[in-house]
Amino acid sequence: MRDPDEELVRRVGAGDKRAASELVRRHLPRMVGLGRRMLGDAAEAEDVAQEVFLRVWKHAASWKPGQAKFETWMHRVAMNLCLDRLRRAGRNGGEVSPEFEDGRASATRALDDRQRRERVRDALMLLPERQRAALVLCYYQDRTNIEAAEILGVTVEALESLLSRARRSLKTELAAERADLLSGLETG
């Protein structure tokens, strides 16, 4: 299978700024999205994405095609940068800016959707780093289990175990929150 970024990476390695701009255009949304889901902070996510593209610029000339897809390497760099930031800060995550609402949705529906996203985001931020990373890669970044395992440097079986534990933890956390909300309605 041919890497769709191979030619662009070769051109970036030769100093082609247009090729670098094209790589940024192709991959910036995913790099920022990964950072937001892992770090819970939009500004930090943008910093991580910027660092990823600085590394692309620095290392493109030494890229060896055929070892892994370039996009997989970028995800791995972004994930490692996120994990480093989380460890340095000694935290699991923080606040995320609310996502833009669909203008066609009713105000009530938009509020319900935003609250649901916030509850899931908060529960996601409570997960251990590796479980959160596995979920973010597979569900928010649309990586296959094989790609996600490669990015995380684990076997597919280990990734599947991380995903299973993460889903179980999310289900438990969200069920407990729902029970708390319902009991608050009954007593209020």
Protein backbone atom coordinates (compact mmCIF):
# COMPACT_ATOMS: atom_id res chain seq x y z
CA MET A 1 0.00 0.00 0.00
CA ARG A 2 1.39 3.38 -1.03
CA ASP A 3 1.54 6.15 1.56
CA PRO A 4 -0.59 9.08 0.30
CA ASP A 5 1.80 11.53 1.98
CA GLU A 6 5.03 10.03 0.66
CA GLU A 7 5.55 12.51 -2.19
CA LEU A 8 4.67 15.51 -0.01
CA VAL A 9 7.08 14.37 2.71
CA ARG A 10 9.85 13.97 0.13
CA ARG A 11 9.17 17.51 -1.11
CA VAL A 12 9.06 18.90 2.44
CA GLY A 13 12.42 17.21 3.05
CA ALA A 14 13.76 19.10 0.05
CA GLY A 15 12.56 22.38 1.56
CA ASP A 16 9.31 22.82 -0.41
CA LYS A 17 7.15 25.19 1.67
CA ARG A 18 4.07 24.54 -0.47
CA ALA A 19 4.31 20.83 0.28
CA ALA A 20 4.62 21.65 3.99
CA SER A 21 1.50 23.82 3.75
CA GLU A 22 -0.36 20.98 2.06
CA LEU A 23 0.65 18.52 4.83
CA VAL A 24 -0.58 21.03 7.41
CA ARG A 25 -3.86 21.49 5.53
CA ARG A 26 -4.37 17.70 5.36
CA HIS A 27 -3.49 16.85 8.94
CA LEU A 28 -3.88 19.89 11.20
CA PRO A 29 -7.53 19.22 12.16
CA ARG A 30 -6.71 15.65 13.27
CA MET A 31 -3.62 16.71 15.23
CA VAL A 32 -5.53 19.48 17.04
CA GLY A 33 -8.47 17.13 17.65
CA LEU A 34 -6.21 14.49 19.15
CA GLY A 35 -4.62 17.12 21.39
CA ARG A 36 -8.00 18.45 22.54
CA ARG A 37 -9.29 15.00 23.43
CA MET A 38 -6.10 14.04 25.27
CA LEU A 39 -5.30 17.33 27.01
CA GLY A 40 -8.72 18.88 27.45
CA ASP A 41 -7.36 22.30 26.50
CA ALA A 42 -7.66 23.93 23.08
CA ALA A 43 -4.58 26.15 23.44
CA GLU A 44 -2.38 23.24 24.53
CA ALA A 45 -3.77 21.14 21.67
CA GLU A 46 -2.75 23.84 19.19
CA ASP A 47 0.72 23.97 20.76
CA VAL A 48 1.06 20.20 20.35
CA ALA A 49 -0.07 20.39 16.72
CA GLN A 50 2.45 23.15 16.06
CA GLU A 51 5.23 21.04 17.61
CA VAL A 52 4.20 18.06 15.46
CA PHE A 53 4.56 20.13 12.29
CA LEU A 54 7.88 21.56 13.44
CA ARG A 55 9.11 17.99 13.80
CA VAL A 56 7.72 17.14 10.37
CA TRP A 57 9.75 20.01 8.91
CA LYS A 58 12.89 18.92 10.81
CA HIS A 59 12.66 15.19 10.09
CA ALA A 60 11.07 14.99 6.64
CA ALA A 61 14.44 14.74 4.88
CA SER A 62 15.33 11.62 6.89
CA TRP A 63 11.91 9.93 6.50
CA LYS A 64 12.19 6.34 5.27
CA PRO A 65 9.08 5.36 3.28
CA GLY A 66 7.67 1.88 3.73
CA GLN A 67 8.31 1.49 7.46
CA ALA A 68 5.00 3.04 8.52
CA LYS A 69 2.53 5.50 7.07
CA PHE A 70 3.66 9.06 7.65
CA GLU A 71 0.29 9.92 9.20
CA THR A 72 0.79 7.10 11.71
CA TRP A 73 4.16 8.58 12.66
CA MET A 74 2.52 12.02 13.10
CA HIS A 75 -0.14 10.53 15.38
CA ARG A 76 2.54 8.83 17.44
CA VAL A 77 4.49 12.08 17.79
CA ALA A 78 1.31 13.96 18.78
CA MET A 79 0.31 11.27 21.28
CA ASN A 80 3.77 11.25 22.87
CA LEU A 81 3.74 15.05 23.15
CA CYS A 82 0.31 14.91 24.81
CA LEU A 83 1.38 12.20 27.24
CA ASP A 84 4.54 14.17 28.09
CA ARG A 85 2.47 17.28 28.83
CA LEU A 86 0.06 15.32 31.01
CA ARG A 87 2.90 13.77 32.98
CA ARG A 88 4.74 17.08 33.43
CA ALA A 89 1.56 18.74 34.64
CA GLY A 90 0.70 15.76 36.86
CA ARG A 91 -2.89 15.78 35.71
CA ASN A 92 -5.41 13.91 33.62
CA GLY A 93 -6.80 16.89 31.74
CA GLY A 94 -8.69 20.15 32.02
CA GLU A 95 -11.39 22.14 30.35
CA VAL A 96 -12.18 22.02 26.66
CA SER A 97 -13.80 24.89 24.83
CA PRO A 98 -17.36 24.01 23.84
CA GLU A 99 -17.74 22.82 20.28
CA PHE A 100 -19.70 24.91 17.79
CA GLU A 101 -23.39 24.19 17.76
CA ASP A 102 -25.39 23.26 14.70
CA GLY A 103 -27.38 26.38 13.86
CA ARG A 104 -30.32 24.26 12.65
CA ALA A 105 -30.79 22.49 15.99
CA SER A 106 -33.33 23.85 18.40
CA ALA A 107 -31.99 25.65 21.47
CA THR A 108 -33.10 22.82 23.75
CA ARG A 109 -31.58 20.14 21.54
CA ALA A 110 -28.32 22.10 21.23
CA LEU A 111 -28.14 22.45 25.02
CA ASP A 112 -28.82 18.73 25.54
CA ASP A 113 -26.19 17.81 22.95
CA ARG A 114 -23.60 20.13 24.50
CA GLN A 115 -24.29 18.78 27.99
CA ARG A 116 -23.98 15.21 26.74
CA ARG A 117 -20.65 16.02 25.03
CA GLU A 118 -19.43 17.68 28.24
CA ARG A 119 -20.40 14.65 30.35
CA VAL A 120 -18.58 12.31 27.97
CA ARG A 121 -15.58 14.66 27.81
CA ASP A 122 -15.42 14.85 31.61
CA ALA A 123 -15.66 11.06 31.92
CA LEU A 124 -13.00 10.67 29.23
CA MET A 125 -10.65 12.97 31.14
CA LEU A 126 -10.97 10.71 34.21
CA LEU A 127 -9.57 7.70 32.35
CA PRO A 128 -5.93 6.70 32.75
CA GLU A 129 -3.74 8.15 29.97
CA ARG A 130 -3.26 4.93 28.00
CA GLN A 131 -6.97 4.04 28.05
CA ARG A 132 -7.89 7.58 26.99
CA ALA A 133 -5.27 7.45 24.24
CA ALA A 134 -6.67 4.17 22.89
CA LEU A 135 -10.23 5.56 22.83
CA VAL A 136 -9.20 8.85 21.27
CA LEU A 137 -7.24 7.13 18.51
CA CYS A 138 -9.90 4.56 17.66
CA TYR A 139 -13.12 6.54 18.16
CA TYR A 140 -12.20 10.17 17.59
CA GLN A 141 -9.27 9.83 15.19
CA ASP A 142 -10.75 6.87 13.25
CA ARG A 143 -7.54 4.83 13.46
CA THR A 144 -7.84 1.09 13.03
CA ASN A 145 -6.83 -1.10 15.96
CA ILE A 146 -3.64 -2.00 14.11
CA GLU A 147 -2.77 1.67 13.51
CA ALA A 148 -3.65 2.68 17.07
CA ALA A 149 -1.55 -0.16 18.49
CA GLU A 150 1.38 0.93 16.34
CA ILE A 151 1.00 4.57 17.46
CA LEU A 152 0.90 3.53 21.12
CA GLY A 153 3.68 0.98 20.72
CA VAL A 154 1.62 -1.93 22.00
CA THR A 155 0.25 -5.14 20.53
CA VAL A 156 -3.24 -5.22 19.05
CA GLU A 157 -4.29 -7.47 21.94
CA ALA A 158 -3.01 -4.92 24.47
CA LEU A 159 -4.85 -2.15 22.63
CA GLU A 160 -8.07 -4.15 22.68
CA SER A 161 -7.62 -4.67 26.41
CA LEU A 162 -7.12 -0.91 26.90
CA LEU A 163 -10.26 -0.21 24.86
CA SER A 164 -12.29 -2.75 26.80
CA ARG A 165 -11.24 -1.32 30.17
CA ALA A 166 -11.83 2.23 28.95
CA ARG A 167 -15.34 1.46 27.67
CA ARG A 168 -16.18 -0.30 30.94
CA SER A 169 -14.91 2.67 32.97
CA LEU A 170 -16.82 5.17 30.82
CA LYS A 171 -19.99 3.13 31.09
CA THR A 172 -19.65 2.94 34.88
CA GLU A 173 -18.83 6.66 35.22
CA LEU A 174 -21.67 7.80 32.97
CA ALA A 175 -24.15 5.42 34.62
CA ALA A 176 -23.19 6.75 38.08
CA GLU A 177 -23.62 10.32 36.87
CA ARG A 178 -27.01 9.48 35.37
CA ALA A 179 -28.10 7.85 38.64
CA ASP A 180 -26.99 10.98 40.55
CA LEU A 181 -28.96 13.21 38.18
CA LEU A 182 -32.07 11.05 38.48
CA SER A 183 -31.88 10.92 42.28
CA GLY A 184 -31.52 14.72 42.30
CA LEU A 185 -34.74 15.01 40.28
CA GLU A 186 -36.59 12.67 42.63
CA THR A 187 -35.56 14.55 45.78
CA GLY A 188 -35.85 18.04 44.24
